[in-house]
Amino acid sequence: MVDKPAIQYVVEEAVKAGLVDILMITGRNKNALENHFDRAFELEATLRRKGDASRLTKVTHSTDLADIHYVRQGDPLGLGHAVSKAAMHVGRESFALLLGDDIIDEEFDLLSQMIVEHQERGATIVALMEVPDELVSSYGVASIEATEKEGVVRITGLVEKPDLGDQPSNYAIIGRYILQPEVFDILATTEPGRGGEIQLTDALTVLAENPNIAGGVYGIVFTGRRYDTGDRLSYLQAVVQIASHRKDLGPDFSAWLIDYAASLESASIASPASAGKSASDK
């Protein structure tokens, strides 16, 4: 995305929030992801010989971000199954879960807010966004109650990818969570649900409906910019918006974008007029 892999935005978000021990749950054919955060000794040596300090800094930035570990999921049995693979690494501590295909614009410090809320409440915290009706079937959707704090709600139940009309609200979970270690115990006995997968939503439902287990589940309603790189249109929008907000690229790119958008509008206006012309007129 622009000039770095999408996963690096996610790692940088975690590091910005103070999380520097990072475990990545990966699948088959993800060697490029691991290599990206590894050292590139030959390239680094070449840049040092050339005295190219600027490019050397960019190359080493990803390798120096955090202490990164990797575990293979093995069987692709769902998000809940992937999370369960972190149990040995995490132990009995709370932890953050960041999904790699969700990008939160760096201008919004969502993860830090979630960590503070977790520390204050001693509960699981998830990020919520209000989505239109046509998108509810793509998300886990929450039943919510207001709390004493604006923008923070208590979650009383969850439904994974409900049919339109069956959703308890239009507040959908996006890919940021602060989870209590008790979630591992629940996932260990969670049966496969929708799609034959072990759903994290099912484990969160148990925590939401039984607040005595680990403090319940609360949601922070996020109203900032979030991009879904798993969706082609959202991915393209993300590239454009991130580039537009970059201090180094933004001014020139935005100026070009305005001109380009104007040319598209001009072309769409001209098209109906030319459509009625005969071949001899053109």
C-alpha atoms as a PDB file:
ATOM      1  CA  MET A   1       0.000   0.000   0.000  1.00  0.00           C
ATOM      2  CA  VAL A   2       1.765   3.077  -1.412  1.00  0.00           C
ATOM      3  CA  ASP A   3       5.358   2.038  -0.596  1.00  0.00           C
ATOM      4  CA  LYS A   4       5.176  -0.651   2.092  1.00  0.00           C
ATOM      5  CA  PRO A   5       3.275  -3.903   2.695  1.00  0.00           C
ATOM      6  CA  ALA A   6      -0.099  -3.685   4.401  1.00  0.00           C
ATOM      7  CA  ILE A   7       1.112  -5.859   7.283  1.00  0.00           C
ATOM      8  CA  GLN A   8       3.749  -3.259   8.147  1.00  0.00           C
ATOM      9  CA  TYR A   9       1.043  -0.669   8.823  1.00  0.00           C
ATOM     10  CA  VAL A  10      -0.480  -3.104  11.317  1.00  0.00           C
ATOM     11  CA  VAL A  11       2.844  -3.764  13.068  1.00  0.00           C
ATOM     12  CA  GLU A  12       3.601  -0.046  13.221  1.00  0.00           C
ATOM     13  CA  GLU A  13       0.184   0.549  14.787  1.00  0.00           C
ATOM     14  CA  ALA A  14       0.950  -2.002  17.502  1.00  0.00           C
ATOM     15  CA  VAL A  15       4.373  -0.516  18.178  1.00  0.00           C
ATOM     16  CA  LYS A  16       2.914   2.998  18.384  1.00  0.00           C
ATOM     17  CA  ALA A  17       0.568   1.712  21.111  1.00  0.00           C
ATOM     18  CA  GLY A  18       3.538   0.315  23.059  1.00  0.00           C
ATOM     19  CA  LEU A  19       3.287  -3.334  21.980  1.00  0.00           C
ATOM     20  CA  VAL A  20       6.683  -4.617  20.885  1.00  0.00           C
ATOM     21  CA  ASP A  21       6.341  -8.398  21.448  1.00  0.00           C
ATOM     22  CA  ILE A  22       4.450  -9.491  18.365  1.00  0.00           C
ATOM     23  CA  LEU A  23       3.337 -12.968  17.321  1.00  0.00           C
ATOM     24  CA  MET A  24       2.127 -13.484  13.751  1.00  0.00           C
ATOM     25  CA  ILE A  25      -0.137 -16.426  13.010  1.00  0.00           C
ATOM     26  CA  THR A  26       0.567 -17.303   9.401  1.00  0.00           C
ATOM     27  CA  GLY A  27      -0.543 -19.826   6.818  1.00  0.00           C
ATOM     28  CA  ARG A  28       1.016 -21.597   3.881  1.00  0.00           C
ATOM     29  CA  ASN A  29       3.058 -19.655   1.331  1.00  0.00           C
ATOM     30  CA  LYS A  30       3.594 -16.677   3.667  1.00  0.00           C
ATOM     31  CA  ASN A  31       7.393 -16.756   3.568  1.00  0.00           C
ATOM     32  CA  ALA A  32       7.518 -13.311   1.981  1.00  0.00           C
ATOM     33  CA  LEU A  33       5.862 -11.865   5.088  1.00  0.00           C
ATOM     34  CA  GLU A  34       8.540 -13.319   7.361  1.00  0.00           C
ATOM     35  CA  ASN A  35      11.329 -12.276   5.005  1.00  0.00           C
ATOM     36  CA  HIS A  36      10.079  -8.688   4.972  1.00  0.00           C
ATOM     37  CA  PHE A  37      10.753  -8.319   8.699  1.00  0.00           C
ATOM     38  CA  ASP A  38      14.073 -10.194   8.537  1.00  0.00           C
ATOM     39  CA  ARG A  39      17.481  -8.658   7.901  1.00  0.00           C
ATOM     40  CA  ALA A  40      18.646  -8.123   4.313  1.00  0.00           C
ATOM     41  CA  PHE A  41      22.392  -8.276   4.966  1.00  0.00           C
ATOM     42  CA  GLU A  42      23.562  -8.051   1.356  1.00  0.00           C
ATOM     43  CA  LEU A  43      21.370  -5.059   0.577  1.00  0.00           C
ATOM     44  CA  GLU A  44      22.313  -3.323   3.819  1.00  0.00           C
ATOM     45  CA  ALA A  45      26.025  -3.855   3.133  1.00  0.00           C
ATOM     46  CA  THR A  46      25.660  -2.463  -0.387  1.00  0.00           C
ATOM     47  CA  LEU A  47      23.885   0.662   0.853  1.00  0.00           C
ATOM     48  CA  ARG A  48      26.548   1.198   3.533  1.00  0.00           C
ATOM     49  CA  ARG A  49      29.311   0.977   0.931  1.00  0.00           C
ATOM     50  CA  LYS A  50      27.485   3.557  -1.162  1.00  0.00           C
ATOM     51  CA  GLY A  51      26.915   5.805   1.811  1.00  0.00           C
ATOM     52  CA  ASP A  52      23.174   5.817   1.090  1.00  0.00           C
ATOM     53  CA  ALA A  53      22.012   6.434   4.665  1.00  0.00           C
ATOM     54  CA  SER A  54      18.486   7.420   3.672  1.00  0.00           C
ATOM     55  CA  ARG A  55      17.667   4.163   1.894  1.00  0.00           C
ATOM     56  CA  LEU A  56      19.511   2.130   4.533  1.00  0.00           C
ATOM     57  CA  THR A  57      17.228   3.604   7.203  1.00  0.00           C
ATOM     58  CA  LYS A  58      14.163   2.606   5.189  1.00  0.00           C
ATOM     59  CA  VAL A  59      15.450  -0.939   4.697  1.00  0.00           C
ATOM     60  CA  THR A  60      16.274  -1.505   8.377  1.00  0.00           C
ATOM     61  CA  HIS A  61      13.126   0.186   9.695  1.00  0.00           C
ATOM     62  CA  SER A  62      10.919  -2.893   9.341  1.00  0.00           C
ATOM     63  CA  THR A  63      13.528  -5.213  10.916  1.00  0.00           C
ATOM     64  CA  ASP A  64      13.983  -2.980  13.962  1.00  0.00           C
ATOM     65  CA  LEU A  65      10.297  -2.353  14.679  1.00  0.00           C
ATOM     66  CA  ALA A  66       9.659  -5.057  17.278  1.00  0.00           C
ATOM     67  CA  ASP A  67      10.490  -8.533  18.543  1.00  0.00           C
ATOM     68  CA  ILE A  68       8.497 -10.577  16.038  1.00  0.00           C
ATOM     69  CA  HIS A  69       7.693 -14.283  16.300  1.00  0.00           C
ATOM     70  CA  TYR A  70       5.825 -16.607  13.940  1.00  0.00           C
ATOM     71  CA  VAL A  71       3.532 -19.601  14.354  1.00  0.00           C
ATOM     72  CA  ARG A  72       1.862 -21.531  11.540  1.00  0.00           C
ATOM     73  CA  GLN A  73      -1.867 -22.081  11.887  1.00  0.00           C
ATOM     74  CA  GLY A  74      -1.740 -25.374  10.024  1.00  0.00           C
ATOM     75  CA  ASP A  75      -5.339 -26.293   9.282  1.00  0.00           C
ATOM     76  CA  PRO A  76      -7.331 -23.195   8.204  1.00  0.00           C
ATOM     77  CA  LEU A  77     -10.139 -23.701  10.698  1.00  0.00           C
ATOM     78  CA  GLY A  78     -11.180 -20.100  11.272  1.00  0.00           C
ATOM     79  CA  LEU A  79     -10.176 -17.012  13.215  1.00  0.00           C
ATOM     80  CA  GLY A  80     -10.890 -18.606  16.579  1.00  0.00           C
ATOM     81  CA  HIS A  81      -8.588 -21.497  15.725  1.00  0.00           C
ATOM     82  CA  ALA A  82      -5.855 -19.081  14.636  1.00  0.00           C
ATOM     83  CA  VAL A  83      -6.140 -17.146  17.905  1.00  0.00           C
ATOM     84  CA  SER A  84      -5.905 -20.381  19.910  1.00  0.00           C
ATOM     85  CA  LYS A  85      -2.475 -20.978  18.367  1.00  0.00           C
ATOM     86  CA  ALA A  86      -1.174 -18.007  20.379  1.00  0.00           C
ATOM     87  CA  ALA A  87      -1.979 -19.566  23.761  1.00  0.00           C
ATOM     88  CA  MET A  88       1.522 -20.926  24.489  1.00  0.00           C
ATOM     89  CA  HIS A  89       3.149 -17.625  23.570  1.00  0.00           C
ATOM     90  CA  VAL A  90       0.727 -15.336  25.394  1.00  0.00           C
ATOM     91  CA  GLY A  91       0.242 -17.366  28.564  1.00  0.00           C
ATOM     92  CA  ARG A  92      -2.184 -15.967  31.152  1.00  0.00           C
ATOM     93  CA  GLU A  93      -1.953 -12.323  30.171  1.00  0.00           C
ATOM     94  CA  SER A  94      -4.335 -10.111  28.242  1.00  0.00           C
ATOM     95  CA  PHE A  95      -3.267  -9.390  24.674  1.00  0.00           C
ATOM     96  CA  ALA A  96      -4.141  -7.392  21.585  1.00  0.00           C
ATOM     97  CA  LEU A  97      -5.381  -9.052  18.411  1.00  0.00           C
ATOM     98  CA  LEU A  98      -4.931  -7.135  15.154  1.00  0.00           C
ATOM     99  CA  LEU A  99      -6.225  -8.627  11.912  1.00  0.00           C
ATOM    100  CA  GLY A 100      -3.819  -8.155   9.045  1.00  0.00           C
ATOM    101  CA  ASP A 101      -6.383  -7.138   6.433  1.00  0.00           C
ATOM    102  CA  ASP A 102      -7.741  -4.231   8.497  1.00  0.00           C
ATOM    103  CA  ILE A 103      -5.814  -0.967   8.327  1.00  0.00           C
ATOM    104  CA  ILE A 104      -6.612   1.837  10.778  1.00  0.00           C
ATOM    105  CA  ASP A 105      -5.469   5.234   9.568  1.00  0.00           C
ATOM    106  CA  GLU A 106      -2.471   6.307  11.645  1.00  0.00           C
ATOM    107  CA  GLU A 107      -4.136   9.618  12.458  1.00  0.00           C
ATOM    108  CA  PHE A 108      -6.525   7.738  14.776  1.00  0.00           C
ATOM    109  CA  ASP A 109      -5.033   6.224  17.920  1.00  0.00           C
ATOM    110  CA  LEU A 110      -7.675   3.517  18.280  1.00  0.00           C
ATOM    111  CA  LEU A 111      -5.528   0.754  19.756  1.00  0.00           C
ATOM    112  CA  SER A 112      -4.157   2.953  22.533  1.00  0.00           C
ATOM    113  CA  GLN A 113      -7.712   3.963  23.462  1.00  0.00           C
ATOM    114  CA  MET A 114      -8.708   0.311  23.615  1.00  0.00           C
ATOM    115  CA  ILE A 115      -5.771  -0.551  25.883  1.00  0.00           C
ATOM    116  CA  VAL A 116      -6.677   2.251  28.302  1.00  0.00           C
ATOM    117  CA  GLU A 117     -10.318   1.106  28.347  1.00  0.00           C
ATOM    118  CA  HIS A 118      -9.212  -2.468  29.034  1.00  0.00           C
ATOM    119  CA  GLN A 119      -7.017  -1.365  31.926  1.00  0.00           C
ATOM    120  CA  GLU A 120      -9.853   0.662  33.451  1.00  0.00           C
ATOM    121  CA  ARG A 121     -12.557  -2.010  33.110  1.00  0.00           C
ATOM    122  CA  GLY A 122     -10.598  -5.261  33.334  1.00  0.00           C
ATOM    123  CA  ALA A 123     -12.647  -6.538  30.402  1.00  0.00           C
ATOM    124  CA  THR A 124     -12.404  -7.612  26.782  1.00  0.00           C
ATOM    125  CA  ILE A 125     -12.540  -4.617  24.443  1.00  0.00           C
ATOM    126  CA  VAL A 126     -13.440  -4.764  20.746  1.00  0.00           C
ATOM    127  CA  ALA A 127     -13.595  -2.089  18.074  1.00  0.00           C
ATOM    128  CA  LEU A 128     -17.001  -1.450  16.493  1.00  0.00           C
ATOM    129  CA  MET A 129     -18.067   0.466  13.405  1.00  0.00           C
ATOM    130  CA  GLU A 130     -21.577   1.273  12.276  1.00  0.00           C
ATOM    131  CA  VAL A 131     -22.089  -0.286   8.853  1.00  0.00           C
ATOM    132  CA  PRO A 132     -24.947   0.015   6.328  1.00  0.00           C
ATOM    133  CA  ASP A 133     -27.564  -2.724   6.031  1.00  0.00           C
ATOM    134  CA  GLU A 134     -26.027  -4.243   2.921  1.00  0.00           C
ATOM    135  CA  LEU A 135     -22.781  -5.008   4.776  1.00  0.00           C
ATOM    136  CA  VAL A 136     -24.031  -6.565   8.014  1.00  0.00           C
ATOM    137  CA  SER A 137     -23.864 -10.085   6.585  1.00  0.00           C
ATOM    138  CA  SER A 138     -20.083  -9.702   6.218  1.00  0.00           C
ATOM    139  CA  TYR A 139     -19.327  -9.083   9.904  1.00  0.00           C
ATOM    140  CA  GLY A 140     -19.844 -10.215  13.454  1.00  0.00           C
ATOM    141  CA  VAL A 141     -22.575  -7.879  14.709  1.00  0.00           C
ATOM    142  CA  ALA A 142     -23.111  -6.860  18.338  1.00  0.00           C
ATOM    143  CA  SER A 143     -26.094  -6.372  20.626  1.00  0.00           C
ATOM    144  CA  ILE A 144     -25.196  -3.300  22.652  1.00  0.00           C
ATOM    145  CA  GLU A 145     -26.146  -1.253  25.689  1.00  0.00           C
ATOM    146  CA  ALA A 146     -25.054   2.293  26.475  1.00  0.00           C
ATOM    147  CA  THR A 147     -22.520   2.913  29.263  1.00  0.00           C
ATOM    148  CA  GLU A 148     -21.651   5.985  31.308  1.00  0.00           C
ATOM    149  CA  LYS A 149     -19.031   6.938  28.682  1.00  0.00           C
ATOM    150  CA  GLU A 150     -19.851   8.312  25.246  1.00  0.00           C
ATOM    151  CA  GLY A 151     -18.494   6.125  22.467  1.00  0.00           C
ATOM    152  CA  VAL A 152     -18.169   3.073  24.729  1.00  0.00           C
ATOM    153  CA  VAL A 153     -20.914   0.422  24.849  1.00  0.00           C
ATOM    154  CA  ARG A 154     -21.416  -2.848  26.666  1.00  0.00           C
ATOM    155  CA  ILE A 155     -21.838  -5.839  24.390  1.00  0.00           C
ATOM    156  CA  THR A 156     -24.503  -8.295  25.493  1.00  0.00           C
ATOM    157  CA  GLY A 157     -24.392 -10.688  22.542  1.00  0.00           C
ATOM    158  CA  LEU A 158     -22.904 -11.284  19.099  1.00  0.00           C
ATOM    159  CA  VAL A 159     -24.083 -12.826  15.839  1.00  0.00           C
ATOM    160  CA  GLU A 160     -21.627 -13.936  13.167  1.00  0.00           C
ATOM    161  CA  LYS A 161     -22.582 -12.696   9.667  1.00  0.00           C
ATOM    162  CA  PRO A 162     -26.339 -12.386  10.239  1.00  0.00           C
ATOM    163  CA  ASP A 163     -28.795 -12.244   7.374  1.00  0.00           C
ATOM    164  CA  LEU A 164     -30.184  -8.797   6.636  1.00  0.00           C
ATOM    165  CA  GLY A 165     -33.103  -8.194   8.959  1.00  0.00           C
ATOM    166  CA  ASP A 166     -31.799 -10.601  11.592  1.00  0.00           C
ATOM    167  CA  GLN A 167     -28.961  -8.407  12.834  1.00  0.00           C
ATOM    168  CA  PRO A 168     -29.233  -7.154  16.441  1.00  0.00           C
ATOM    169  CA  SER A 169     -27.789  -3.771  15.409  1.00  0.00           C
ATOM    170  CA  ASN A 170     -25.642  -2.256  12.696  1.00  0.00           C
ATOM    171  CA  TYR A 171     -22.542  -2.157  14.912  1.00  0.00           C
ATOM    172  CA  ALA A 172     -19.993  -4.560  13.459  1.00  0.00           C
ATOM    173  CA  ILE A 173     -16.733  -5.763  14.956  1.00  0.00           C
ATOM    174  CA  ILE A 174     -13.672  -4.687  12.998  1.00  0.00           C
ATOM    175  CA  GLY A 175     -10.233  -6.248  13.294  1.00  0.00           C
ATOM    176  CA  ARG A 176      -9.026  -4.831  16.620  1.00  0.00           C
ATOM    177  CA  TYR A 177      -9.469  -6.601  19.967  1.00  0.00           C
ATOM    178  CA  ILE A 178      -8.016  -6.538  23.469  1.00  0.00           C
ATOM    179  CA  LEU A 179      -8.680 -10.038  24.790  1.00  0.00           C
ATOM    180  CA  GLN A 180      -8.538 -11.619  28.216  1.00  0.00           C
ATOM    181  CA  PRO A 181      -6.594 -14.918  28.474  1.00  0.00           C
ATOM    182  CA  GLU A 182      -9.817 -16.730  29.425  1.00  0.00           C
ATOM    183  CA  VAL A 183     -10.679 -16.627  25.723  1.00  0.00           C
ATOM    184  CA  PHE A 184      -8.192 -19.476  25.193  1.00  0.00           C
ATOM    185  CA  ASP A 185     -10.095 -21.701  27.624  1.00  0.00           C
ATOM    186  CA  ILE A 186     -13.346 -21.021  25.799  1.00  0.00           C
ATOM    187  CA  LEU A 187     -11.857 -21.550  22.337  1.00  0.00           C
ATOM    188  CA  ALA A 188     -10.490 -24.927  23.454  1.00  0.00           C
ATOM    189  CA  THR A 189     -14.064 -26.206  23.811  1.00  0.00           C
ATOM    190  CA  THR A 190     -15.738 -24.181  21.038  1.00  0.00           C
ATOM    191  CA  GLU A 191     -17.276 -26.330  18.336  1.00  0.00           C
ATOM    192  CA  PRO A 192     -17.044 -25.299  14.669  1.00  0.00           C
ATOM    193  CA  GLY A 193     -19.810 -22.858  13.794  1.00  0.00           C
ATOM    194  CA  ARG A 194     -20.766 -21.001  10.643  1.00  0.00           C
ATOM    195  CA  GLY A 195     -18.789 -22.211   7.642  1.00  0.00           C
ATOM    196  CA  GLY A 196     -17.426 -25.177   9.605  1.00  0.00           C
ATOM    197  CA  GLU A 197     -14.901 -22.870  11.301  1.00  0.00           C
ATOM    198  CA  ILE A 198     -14.112 -22.142  14.941  1.00  0.00           C
ATOM    199  CA  GLN A 199     -15.459 -18.624  15.277  1.00  0.00           C
ATOM    200  CA  LEU A 200     -13.907 -16.094  17.621  1.00  0.00           C
ATOM    201  CA  THR A 201     -17.362 -14.497  17.729  1.00  0.00           C
ATOM    202  CA  ASP A 202     -18.718 -17.595  19.497  1.00  0.00           C
ATOM    203  CA  ALA A 203     -16.082 -17.323  22.229  1.00  0.00           C
ATOM    204  CA  LEU A 204     -16.742 -13.596  22.626  1.00  0.00           C
ATOM    205  CA  THR A 205     -20.446 -14.349  22.957  1.00  0.00           C
ATOM    206  CA  VAL A 206     -19.701 -16.577  25.960  1.00  0.00           C
ATOM    207  CA  LEU A 207     -17.671 -13.777  27.563  1.00  0.00           C
ATOM    208  CA  ALA A 208     -20.367 -11.198  26.801  1.00  0.00           C
ATOM    209  CA  GLU A 209     -23.161 -13.310  28.246  1.00  0.00           C
ATOM    210  CA  ASN A 210     -21.129 -14.296  31.320  1.00  0.00           C
ATOM    211  CA  PRO A 211     -19.393 -11.123  32.569  1.00  0.00           C
ATOM    212  CA  ASN A 212     -18.397 -12.910  35.781  1.00  0.00           C
ATOM    213  CA  ILE A 213     -15.858 -14.977  33.795  1.00  0.00           C
ATOM    214  CA  ALA A 214     -13.535 -12.158  32.758  1.00  0.00           C
ATOM    215  CA  GLY A 215     -15.278  -8.814  33.139  1.00  0.00           C
ATOM    216  CA  GLY A 216     -17.557  -8.988  30.111  1.00  0.00           C
ATOM    217  CA  VAL A 217     -17.100  -7.413  26.690  1.00  0.00           C
ATOM    218  CA  TYR A 218     -17.184  -3.718  25.795  1.00  0.00           C
ATOM    219  CA  GLY A 219     -16.932  -1.948  22.461  1.00  0.00           C
ATOM    220  CA  ILE A 220     -15.340   1.323  21.423  1.00  0.00           C
ATOM    221  CA  VAL A 221     -17.311   2.819  18.544  1.00  0.00           C
ATOM    222  CA  PHE A 222     -14.763   3.898  15.931  1.00  0.00           C
ATOM    223  CA  THR A 223     -15.683   6.707  13.559  1.00  0.00           C
ATOM    224  CA  GLY A 224     -12.312   7.258  11.899  1.00  0.00           C
ATOM    225  CA  ARG A 225     -10.838   5.925   8.667  1.00  0.00           C
ATOM    226  CA  ARG A 226     -10.476   2.166   8.358  1.00  0.00           C
ATOM    227  CA  TYR A 227      -9.587   0.197   5.231  1.00  0.00           C
ATOM    228  CA  ASP A 228     -10.350  -3.430   4.394  1.00  0.00           C
ATOM    229  CA  THR A 229      -7.519  -4.655   2.180  1.00  0.00           C
ATOM    230  CA  GLY A 230      -9.428  -7.873   1.530  1.00  0.00           C
ATOM    231  CA  ASP A 231     -11.950  -5.911  -0.533  1.00  0.00           C
ATOM    232  CA  ARG A 232     -10.689  -4.649  -3.895  1.00  0.00           C
ATOM    233  CA  LEU A 233     -12.546  -1.338  -3.844  1.00  0.00           C
ATOM    234  CA  SER A 234     -11.596  -0.613  -0.233  1.00  0.00           C
ATOM    235  CA  TYR A 235      -7.989  -1.513  -1.038  1.00  0.00           C
ATOM    236  CA  LEU A 236      -7.857   0.993  -3.888  1.00  0.00           C
ATOM    237  CA  GLN A 237      -9.493   3.642  -1.725  1.00  0.00           C
ATOM    238  CA  ALA A 238      -6.949   2.952   0.998  1.00  0.00           C
ATOM    239  CA  VAL A 239      -3.988   3.469  -1.344  1.00  0.00           C
ATOM    240  CA  VAL A 240      -5.418   6.778  -2.563  1.00  0.00           C
ATOM    241  CA  GLN A 241      -6.360   8.094   0.875  1.00  0.00           C
ATOM    242  CA  ILE A 242      -3.115   7.055   2.563  1.00  0.00           C
ATOM    243  CA  ALA A 243      -1.074   8.648  -0.224  1.00  0.00           C
ATOM    244  CA  SER A 244      -3.171  11.809  -0.023  1.00  0.00           C
ATOM    245  CA  HIS A 245      -2.445  12.175   3.705  1.00  0.00           C
ATOM    246  CA  ARG A 246       1.303  11.559   3.411  1.00  0.00           C
ATOM    247  CA  LYS A 247       3.354  14.685   4.113  1.00  0.00           C
ATOM    248  CA  ASP A 248       5.933  13.778   1.483  1.00  0.00           C
ATOM    249  CA  LEU A 249       3.519  12.653  -1.255  1.00  0.00           C
ATOM    250  CA  GLY A 250       0.213  14.237  -0.321  1.00  0.00           C
ATOM    251  CA  PRO A 251       0.431  17.750  -1.808  1.00  0.00           C
ATOM    252  CA  ASP A 252       1.637  16.693  -5.263  1.00  0.00           C
ATOM    253  CA  PHE A 253      -0.494  13.542  -5.390  1.00  0.00           C
ATOM    254  CA  SER A 254      -3.646  15.386  -4.291  1.00  0.00           C
ATOM    255  CA  ALA A 255      -3.122  18.084  -6.910  1.00  0.00           C
ATOM    256  CA  TRP A 256      -2.793  15.400  -9.606  1.00  0.00           C
ATOM    257  CA  LEU A 257      -5.808  13.543  -8.236  1.00  0.00           C
ATOM    258  CA  ILE A 258      -8.009  16.635  -8.417  1.00  0.00           C
ATOM    259  CA  ASP A 259      -7.044  17.176 -12.037  1.00  0.00           C
ATOM    260  CA  TYR A 260      -7.570  13.515 -12.871  1.00  0.00           C
ATOM    261  CA  ALA A 261     -10.986  13.427 -11.202  1.00  0.00           C
ATOM    262  CA  ALA A 262     -11.966  16.532 -13.164  1.00  0.00           C
ATOM    263  CA  SER A 263     -10.930  14.832 -16.410  1.00  0.00           C
ATOM    264  CA  LEU A 264     -13.091  11.812 -15.547  1.00  0.00           C
ATOM    265  CA  GLU A 265     -16.060  14.063 -14.883  1.00  0.00           C
ATOM    266  CA  SER A 266     -15.508  15.863 -18.171  1.00  0.00           C
ATOM    267  CA  ALA A 267     -15.318  12.562 -20.010  1.00  0.00           C
ATOM    268  CA  SER A 268     -18.564  11.305 -18.439  1.00  0.00           C
ATOM    269  CA  ILE A 269     -20.346  14.515 -19.446  1.00  0.00           C
ATOM    270  CA  ALA A 270     -19.039  14.338 -23.010  1.00  0.00           C
ATOM    271  CA  SER A 271     -19.867  10.671 -23.452  1.00  0.00           C
ATOM    272  CA  PRO A 272     -23.721  10.926 -23.649  1.00  0.00           C
ATOM    273  CA  ALA A 273     -23.477  13.725 -26.200  1.00  0.00           C
ATOM    274  CA  SER A 274     -21.176  11.761 -28.474  1.00  0.00           C
ATOM    275  CA  ALA A 275     -23.147   8.523 -28.075  1.00  0.00           C
ATOM    276  CA  GLY A 276     -25.921   9.715 -30.412  1.00  0.00           C
ATOM    277  CA  LYS A 277     -23.594  10.640 -33.282  1.00  0.00           C
ATOM    278  CA  SER A 278     -23.468   8.455 -36.375  1.00  0.00           C
ATOM    279  CA  ALA A 279     -20.246   6.936 -37.604  1.00  0.00           C
ATOM    280  CA  SER A 280     -20.043   9.568 -40.377  1.00  0.00           C
ATOM    281  CA  ASP A 281     -20.325  12.392 -37.801  1.00  0.00           C
ATOM    282  CA  LYS A 282     -17.384  11.106 -35.706  1.00  0.00           C
END
